[in-house]
N, C-alpha and C. Protein backbone atom coordinates (compact mmCIF):
# COMPACT_ATOMS: atom_id res chain seq x y z
N MET A 1 0.84 -1.17 0.00
CA MET A 1 0.00 0.00 0.00
C MET A 1 0.89 1.24 0.00
N ASN A 2 0.59 2.11 -0.84
CA ASN A 2 1.40 3.31 -1.01
C ASN A 2 0.74 4.46 -0.26
N SER A 3 1.38 4.96 0.75
CA SER A 3 0.78 6.08 1.49
C SER A 3 1.48 7.37 1.10
N HIS A 4 0.70 8.36 0.89
CA HIS A 4 1.22 9.68 0.53
C HIS A 4 1.10 10.60 1.73
N ARG A 5 2.17 11.22 2.02
CA ARG A 5 2.15 12.21 3.10
C ARG A 5 2.04 13.59 2.47
N GLN A 6 1.07 14.30 2.91
CA GLN A 6 0.92 15.66 2.42
C GLN A 6 1.34 16.60 3.53
N SER A 7 2.14 17.52 3.15
CA SER A 7 2.53 18.51 4.15
C SER A 7 2.05 19.87 3.69
N ALA A 8 1.64 20.63 4.64
CA ALA A 8 1.16 21.98 4.34
C ALA A 8 2.34 22.86 3.97
N THR A 9 2.13 23.64 2.96
CA THR A 9 3.16 24.59 2.56
C THR A 9 3.09 25.77 3.51
N PRO A 10 4.20 26.07 4.16
CA PRO A 10 4.16 27.20 5.09
C PRO A 10 3.89 28.52 4.36
N VAL A 11 3.02 29.29 4.94
CA VAL A 11 2.69 30.58 4.36
C VAL A 11 3.52 31.64 5.08
N THR A 12 4.24 32.38 4.31
CA THR A 12 5.07 33.43 4.89
C THR A 12 4.33 34.75 4.75
N THR A 13 4.16 35.40 5.86
CA THR A 13 3.50 36.70 5.84
C THR A 13 4.55 37.77 6.06
N MET A 14 4.59 38.70 5.15
CA MET A 14 5.53 39.80 5.28
C MET A 14 4.91 40.85 6.19
N ARG A 15 5.58 41.14 7.25
CA ARG A 15 5.08 42.16 8.16
C ARG A 15 5.91 43.42 7.95
N VAL A 16 5.22 44.48 7.70
CA VAL A 16 5.89 45.76 7.46
C VAL A 16 6.09 46.44 8.81
N ALA A 17 7.30 46.84 9.06
CA ALA A 17 7.60 47.53 10.32
C ALA A 17 6.97 48.92 10.31
N PRO A 18 6.45 49.35 11.45
CA PRO A 18 5.85 50.69 11.53
C PRO A 18 6.89 51.77 11.22
N LEU A 19 6.45 52.77 10.54
CA LEU A 19 7.29 53.91 10.18
C LEU A 19 6.88 55.07 11.07
N LYS A 20 7.83 55.68 11.72
CA LYS A 20 7.50 56.75 12.68
C LYS A 20 7.55 58.12 12.02
N LEU A 21 6.51 58.45 11.29
CA LEU A 21 6.39 59.78 10.71
C LEU A 21 5.98 60.75 11.80
N ASP A 22 6.47 61.96 11.72
CA ASP A 22 6.10 62.96 12.70
C ASP A 22 5.00 63.85 12.14
N VAL A 23 4.32 64.52 13.03
CA VAL A 23 3.22 65.42 12.67
C VAL A 23 3.52 66.78 13.28
N SER A 24 3.40 67.82 12.49
CA SER A 24 3.57 69.17 13.02
C SER A 24 2.47 69.43 14.05
N PRO A 25 2.78 70.13 15.12
CA PRO A 25 1.74 70.41 16.12
C PRO A 25 0.69 71.37 15.56
N TYR A 26 -0.57 71.10 15.89
CA TYR A 26 -1.65 72.00 15.52
C TYR A 26 -1.99 72.84 16.74
N ARG A 27 -1.96 74.16 16.57
CA ARG A 27 -2.16 75.08 17.69
C ARG A 27 -3.55 75.73 17.71
N GLY A 28 -4.27 75.60 16.62
CA GLY A 28 -5.60 76.22 16.57
C GLY A 28 -5.56 77.66 16.13
N GLY A 29 -4.48 78.06 15.47
CA GLY A 29 -4.35 79.43 14.98
C GLY A 29 -5.18 79.69 13.74
N GLU A 30 -5.47 80.95 13.48
CA GLU A 30 -6.31 81.32 12.34
C GLU A 30 -5.69 80.95 11.00
N ASN A 31 -4.38 81.01 10.88
CA ASN A 31 -3.74 80.73 9.59
C ASN A 31 -3.22 79.31 9.47
N GLU A 32 -3.67 78.42 10.33
CA GLU A 32 -3.27 77.02 10.26
C GLU A 32 -4.37 76.22 9.58
N PRO A 33 -4.12 75.70 8.39
CA PRO A 33 -5.16 74.92 7.72
C PRO A 33 -5.36 73.56 8.39
N LEU A 34 -6.52 73.37 8.97
CA LEU A 34 -6.84 72.14 9.68
C LEU A 34 -6.87 70.94 8.73
N ALA A 35 -7.35 71.13 7.51
CA ALA A 35 -7.42 70.03 6.53
C ALA A 35 -6.02 69.48 6.25
N ARG A 36 -5.05 70.35 6.13
CA ARG A 36 -3.67 69.91 5.88
C ARG A 36 -3.15 69.12 7.08
N TRP A 37 -3.45 69.59 8.30
CA TRP A 37 -3.01 68.88 9.50
C TRP A 37 -3.65 67.49 9.57
N PHE A 38 -4.92 67.38 9.15
CA PHE A 38 -5.59 66.08 9.13
C PHE A 38 -4.89 65.12 8.17
N VAL A 39 -4.46 65.61 7.01
CA VAL A 39 -3.75 64.77 6.04
C VAL A 39 -2.44 64.26 6.65
N GLU A 40 -1.72 65.16 7.30
CA GLU A 40 -0.46 64.81 7.96
C GLU A 40 -0.70 63.79 9.07
N LEU A 41 -1.73 64.03 9.86
CA LEU A 41 -2.09 63.14 10.97
C LEU A 41 -2.46 61.75 10.46
N ASP A 42 -3.32 61.68 9.44
CA ASP A 42 -3.74 60.40 8.89
C ASP A 42 -2.56 59.61 8.33
N ALA A 43 -1.64 60.30 7.67
CA ALA A 43 -0.45 59.63 7.12
C ALA A 43 0.39 59.02 8.24
N ALA A 44 0.57 59.76 9.32
CA ALA A 44 1.37 59.27 10.45
C ALA A 44 0.68 58.10 11.15
N ILE A 45 -0.63 58.17 11.30
CA ILE A 45 -1.37 57.09 11.96
C ILE A 45 -1.27 55.81 11.12
N THR A 46 -1.40 55.94 9.81
CA THR A 46 -1.27 54.78 8.93
C THR A 46 0.14 54.22 8.98
N ALA A 47 1.14 55.08 8.88
CA ALA A 47 2.53 54.64 8.89
C ALA A 47 2.91 53.98 10.21
N ARG A 48 2.35 54.47 11.29
CA ARG A 48 2.65 53.91 12.62
C ARG A 48 1.81 52.67 12.93
N GLN A 49 0.87 52.35 12.03
CA GLN A 49 0.00 51.18 12.16
C GLN A 49 -0.84 51.22 13.44
N LEU A 50 -1.35 52.39 13.75
CA LEU A 50 -2.23 52.54 14.91
C LEU A 50 -3.65 52.17 14.48
N ARG A 51 -4.14 51.06 14.96
CA ARG A 51 -5.47 50.60 14.54
C ARG A 51 -6.54 50.79 15.60
N ASP A 52 -6.14 50.87 16.84
CA ASP A 52 -7.08 51.04 17.93
C ASP A 52 -7.61 52.48 17.95
N PRO A 53 -8.94 52.67 17.94
CA PRO A 53 -9.51 54.02 17.90
C PRO A 53 -9.04 54.93 19.04
N ILE A 54 -8.90 54.39 20.24
CA ILE A 54 -8.47 55.20 21.37
C ILE A 54 -7.01 55.62 21.20
N GLN A 55 -6.16 54.71 20.73
CA GLN A 55 -4.76 55.06 20.48
C GLN A 55 -4.65 56.14 19.41
N GLN A 56 -5.50 56.06 18.39
CA GLN A 56 -5.48 57.08 17.34
C GLN A 56 -5.83 58.44 17.91
N VAL A 57 -6.84 58.50 18.76
CA VAL A 57 -7.24 59.77 19.37
C VAL A 57 -6.14 60.30 20.28
N LEU A 58 -5.57 59.43 21.10
CA LEU A 58 -4.49 59.85 22.01
C LEU A 58 -3.28 60.35 21.24
N PHE A 59 -2.95 59.68 20.13
CA PHE A 59 -1.83 60.13 19.30
C PHE A 59 -2.14 61.51 18.73
N ALA A 60 -3.35 61.69 18.22
CA ALA A 60 -3.74 62.99 17.66
C ALA A 60 -3.67 64.07 18.73
N MET A 61 -4.15 63.78 19.92
CA MET A 61 -4.11 64.77 21.01
C MET A 61 -2.67 65.12 21.38
N SER A 62 -1.77 64.15 21.26
CA SER A 62 -0.37 64.41 21.60
C SER A 62 0.30 65.35 20.60
N LYS A 63 -0.34 65.55 19.46
CA LYS A 63 0.21 66.43 18.41
C LYS A 63 -0.45 67.80 18.42
N LEU A 64 -1.17 68.12 19.47
CA LEU A 64 -1.77 69.44 19.62
C LEU A 64 -0.87 70.32 20.48
N ALA A 65 -1.02 71.63 20.32
CA ALA A 65 -0.27 72.60 21.12
C ALA A 65 -1.17 73.82 21.34
N GLY A 66 -0.75 74.69 22.22
CA GLY A 66 -1.45 75.96 22.44
C GLY A 66 -2.92 75.82 22.76
N ARG A 67 -3.73 76.66 22.09
CA ARG A 67 -5.18 76.69 22.32
C ARG A 67 -5.84 75.34 22.04
N ALA A 68 -5.38 74.68 20.98
CA ALA A 68 -5.98 73.40 20.60
C ALA A 68 -5.74 72.34 21.68
N LYS A 69 -4.54 72.33 22.24
CA LYS A 69 -4.22 71.37 23.30
C LYS A 69 -5.05 71.66 24.55
N SER A 70 -5.15 72.94 24.92
CA SER A 70 -5.96 73.32 26.08
C SER A 70 -7.41 72.91 25.88
N TRP A 71 -7.93 73.13 24.68
CA TRP A 71 -9.31 72.77 24.37
C TRP A 71 -9.53 71.26 24.52
N ALA A 72 -8.67 70.45 23.88
CA ALA A 72 -8.85 68.99 23.87
C ALA A 72 -8.72 68.38 25.26
N TYR A 73 -7.69 68.80 25.99
CA TYR A 73 -7.49 68.21 27.32
C TYR A 73 -8.51 68.74 28.32
N GLY A 74 -8.97 69.96 28.13
CA GLY A 74 -10.05 70.49 28.97
C GLY A 74 -11.34 69.72 28.75
N LYS A 75 -11.63 69.42 27.50
CA LYS A 75 -12.82 68.66 27.15
C LYS A 75 -12.73 67.25 27.73
N ARG A 76 -11.56 66.66 27.64
CA ARG A 76 -11.35 65.30 28.15
C ARG A 76 -11.39 65.26 29.68
N LEU A 77 -10.92 66.32 30.31
CA LEU A 77 -10.97 66.39 31.76
C LEU A 77 -12.41 66.41 32.25
N ALA A 78 -13.25 67.16 31.55
CA ALA A 78 -14.67 67.25 31.90
C ALA A 78 -15.42 65.96 31.60
N GLU A 79 -15.05 65.30 30.52
CA GLU A 79 -15.71 64.06 30.09
C GLU A 79 -14.66 63.12 29.48
N PRO A 80 -14.15 62.15 30.26
CA PRO A 80 -13.06 61.28 29.80
C PRO A 80 -13.34 60.54 28.49
N HIS A 81 -14.60 60.26 28.18
CA HIS A 81 -14.93 59.53 26.95
C HIS A 81 -15.59 60.44 25.92
N CYS A 82 -15.12 61.67 25.85
CA CYS A 82 -15.74 62.65 24.95
C CYS A 82 -15.45 62.39 23.47
N PHE A 83 -14.35 61.71 23.17
CA PHE A 83 -14.01 61.40 21.78
C PHE A 83 -14.08 59.88 21.60
N TYR A 84 -15.05 59.41 20.81
CA TYR A 84 -15.25 57.97 20.63
C TYR A 84 -14.21 57.36 19.70
N ASP A 85 -13.86 58.11 18.66
CA ASP A 85 -12.88 57.63 17.70
C ASP A 85 -12.26 58.83 17.00
N LEU A 86 -11.38 58.58 16.06
CA LEU A 86 -10.66 59.66 15.39
C LEU A 86 -11.60 60.57 14.60
N ASP A 87 -12.60 59.99 13.95
CA ASP A 87 -13.55 60.81 13.19
C ASP A 87 -14.31 61.77 14.10
N ASP A 88 -14.70 61.28 15.26
CA ASP A 88 -15.40 62.11 16.24
C ASP A 88 -14.48 63.24 16.72
N PHE A 89 -13.24 62.90 17.01
CA PHE A 89 -12.25 63.89 17.45
C PHE A 89 -12.07 64.97 16.38
N LYS A 90 -11.93 64.56 15.12
CA LYS A 90 -11.75 65.52 14.02
C LYS A 90 -12.97 66.43 13.87
N ARG A 91 -14.15 65.83 13.97
CA ARG A 91 -15.39 66.61 13.84
C ARG A 91 -15.47 67.68 14.93
N GLU A 92 -15.17 67.30 16.16
CA GLU A 92 -15.20 68.25 17.27
C GLU A 92 -14.13 69.33 17.13
N LEU A 93 -12.95 68.94 16.69
CA LEU A 93 -11.86 69.89 16.48
C LEU A 93 -12.23 70.91 15.40
N LYS A 94 -12.86 70.42 14.34
CA LYS A 94 -13.33 71.31 13.26
C LYS A 94 -14.34 72.32 13.79
N LYS A 95 -15.29 71.82 14.58
CA LYS A 95 -16.32 72.72 15.14
C LYS A 95 -15.69 73.79 16.01
N ALA A 96 -14.67 73.42 16.74
CA ALA A 96 -14.05 74.35 17.68
C ALA A 96 -13.11 75.35 17.01
N PHE A 97 -12.42 74.95 15.94
CA PHE A 97 -11.35 75.80 15.40
C PHE A 97 -11.47 76.22 13.95
N GLU A 98 -12.38 75.63 13.21
CA GLU A 98 -12.49 76.00 11.80
C GLU A 98 -13.71 76.88 11.61
N PRO A 99 -13.50 78.11 11.13
CA PRO A 99 -14.66 78.99 10.93
C PRO A 99 -15.55 78.45 9.82
N PRO A 100 -16.84 78.74 9.90
CA PRO A 100 -17.74 78.31 8.83
C PRO A 100 -17.30 78.94 7.51
N GLN A 101 -17.18 78.12 6.50
CA GLN A 101 -16.75 78.64 5.20
C GLN A 101 -17.21 77.70 4.10
N SER A 102 -17.08 78.15 2.89
CA SER A 102 -17.50 77.32 1.76
C SER A 102 -16.47 76.24 1.50
N GLU A 103 -16.92 75.17 0.85
CA GLU A 103 -16.01 74.07 0.51
C GLU A 103 -14.92 74.56 -0.45
N PHE A 104 -15.28 75.46 -1.37
CA PHE A 104 -14.32 76.00 -2.32
C PHE A 104 -13.18 76.71 -1.60
N ARG A 105 -13.53 77.54 -0.61
CA ARG A 105 -12.50 78.29 0.12
C ARG A 105 -11.60 77.34 0.91
N ALA A 106 -12.19 76.30 1.49
CA ALA A 106 -11.41 75.31 2.25
C ALA A 106 -10.39 74.63 1.34
N ARG A 107 -10.79 74.30 0.11
CA ARG A 107 -9.86 73.66 -0.83
C ARG A 107 -8.78 74.62 -1.27
N ALA A 108 -9.13 75.87 -1.46
CA ALA A 108 -8.16 76.87 -1.91
C ALA A 108 -7.08 77.10 -0.86
N GLU A 109 -7.45 77.02 0.42
CA GLU A 109 -6.49 77.23 1.50
C GLU A 109 -5.60 76.03 1.72
N PHE A 110 -6.03 74.87 1.28
CA PHE A 110 -5.26 73.65 1.46
C PHE A 110 -4.04 73.73 0.59
């Protein structure tokens, strides 16, 4: 009797090491384009492979300075779970620091 042994072919998974991109601090100033800071932030979060929503928010908060930092940490002090995820954090930051404007103007400033 001829028996055949089958062996599983090992699957090699390439794991990409996290890249530590830095993000310029956002201060909440009038001439600081928030959309540009969001692009920088998203790139760094992706490169650093931050997948947990809370870690993403904490990383974003660590890149704030001045008025923006005071606002975020003050809000968190009053309500520890005030930001559910990164999208929520961005939405709240926009409400606090981005003046109402047209979409065209926002793109022109980017």
